[in-house]
Protein backbone atom coordinates (compact mmCIF):
# COMPACT_ATOMS: atom_id res chain seq x y z
CA MET A 1 -16.00 27.83 -12.05
CA GLY A 2 -14.48 25.96 -9.08
CA ARG A 3 -14.64 22.60 -10.83
CA ALA A 4 -13.04 23.95 -13.98
CA ARG A 5 -10.16 25.36 -11.94
CA LEU A 6 -9.71 22.01 -10.20
CA VAL A 7 -9.53 20.18 -13.53
CA LEU A 8 -6.92 22.62 -14.80
CA GLU A 9 -4.83 22.28 -11.66
CA MET A 10 -5.04 18.49 -11.76
CA ALA A 11 -3.74 18.52 -15.33
CA ARG A 12 -0.61 20.33 -14.10
CA TYR A 13 -0.22 18.24 -10.93
CA ARG A 14 3.05 16.33 -11.18
CA PRO A 15 4.06 15.14 -7.70
CA ILE A 16 7.04 13.22 -9.07
CA LEU A 17 8.73 16.56 -9.72
CA SER A 18 8.85 17.23 -5.97
CA ILE A 19 10.32 13.88 -4.97
CA PRO A 20 13.99 14.85 -5.47
CA ASN A 21 13.52 17.69 -2.95
CA ILE A 22 12.25 15.44 -0.14
CA LYS A 23 15.04 14.93 2.36
CA VAL A 24 13.44 12.28 4.58
CA PRO A 25 13.21 8.56 3.71
CA ILE A 26 10.27 7.60 1.50
CA LEU A 27 8.64 4.18 1.39
CA PHE A 28 7.41 3.15 -2.06
CA ILE A 29 5.08 0.13 -2.15
CA SER A 30 4.09 -1.30 -5.49
CA ALA A 31 1.94 -4.23 -6.53
CA THR A 32 3.30 -6.40 -9.33
CA LYS A 33 -0.07 -6.79 -11.07
CA ASP A 34 -1.24 -3.19 -10.58
CA ARG A 35 -2.61 -1.68 -13.81
CA LEU A 36 -3.57 1.68 -12.21
CA CYS A 37 -0.29 2.52 -10.45
CA ARG A 38 2.15 0.56 -12.53
CA PRO A 39 5.21 -0.88 -10.75
CA GLU A 40 7.54 0.75 -13.29
CA ASP A 41 6.05 4.17 -12.44
CA VAL A 42 6.62 3.54 -8.74
CA ALA A 43 10.19 2.46 -9.52
CA ALA A 44 10.74 5.65 -11.54
CA ALA A 45 9.55 7.72 -8.59
CA ALA A 46 11.84 5.82 -6.22
CA ALA A 47 14.77 6.32 -8.59
CA VAL A 48 14.67 10.10 -8.11
CA ALA A 49 14.23 10.01 -4.32
CA GLN A 50 17.16 10.82 -2.05
CA HIS A 51 16.43 8.03 0.45
CA PRO A 52 14.03 5.48 -1.09
CA THR A 53 12.93 2.14 0.23
CA GLU A 54 11.08 -0.01 -2.28
CA VAL A 55 8.74 -2.88 -1.44
CA THR A 56 6.98 -4.95 -4.08
CA ILE A 57 3.98 -7.11 -3.27
CA ASP A 58 2.69 -9.80 -5.63
CA ALA A 59 -0.88 -8.49 -5.89
CA ASN A 60 -3.09 -6.24 -7.98
CA HIS A 61 -4.18 -2.68 -7.18
CA PHE A 62 -7.17 -3.67 -5.06
CA GLU A 63 -5.84 -6.85 -3.40
CA ILE A 64 -3.21 -4.85 -1.56
CA TYR A 65 -5.91 -3.32 0.65
CA ARG A 66 -7.01 -6.57 2.29
CA GLY A 67 -5.89 -9.87 3.75
CA LYS A 68 -2.33 -11.09 3.54
CA TYR A 69 -1.36 -8.38 1.05
CA LEU A 70 -2.49 -5.64 3.40
CA GLN A 71 -0.51 -7.31 6.18
CA GLN A 72 2.60 -7.32 3.98
CA ALA A 73 2.15 -3.61 3.25
CA MET A 74 1.59 -2.81 6.92
CA ASP A 75 4.67 -4.81 7.93
CA ALA A 76 6.72 -2.79 5.43
CA MET A 77 5.35 0.45 6.89
CA VAL A 78 6.21 -0.59 10.44
CA ARG A 79 9.76 -1.53 9.39
CA HIS A 80 10.07 1.79 7.60
CA VAL A 81 9.30 3.90 10.66
């Protein structure tokens, strides 16, 4: 029963609907070659934010978690705070 409830809740989960209500700055990082979290979806989320900062890294979904791409993402996070 618990798993079924989780699946139903996940189907209704739309975090983008909450973004316009967030009053603090939000950092959006996208990867140009990402097929899982597409850059245009990240841009759409940023477009409805009150105080967005967008950073795009020329990588795929998994590359961004290591090496020079990770460093670029971390640098963006440090600048953001």
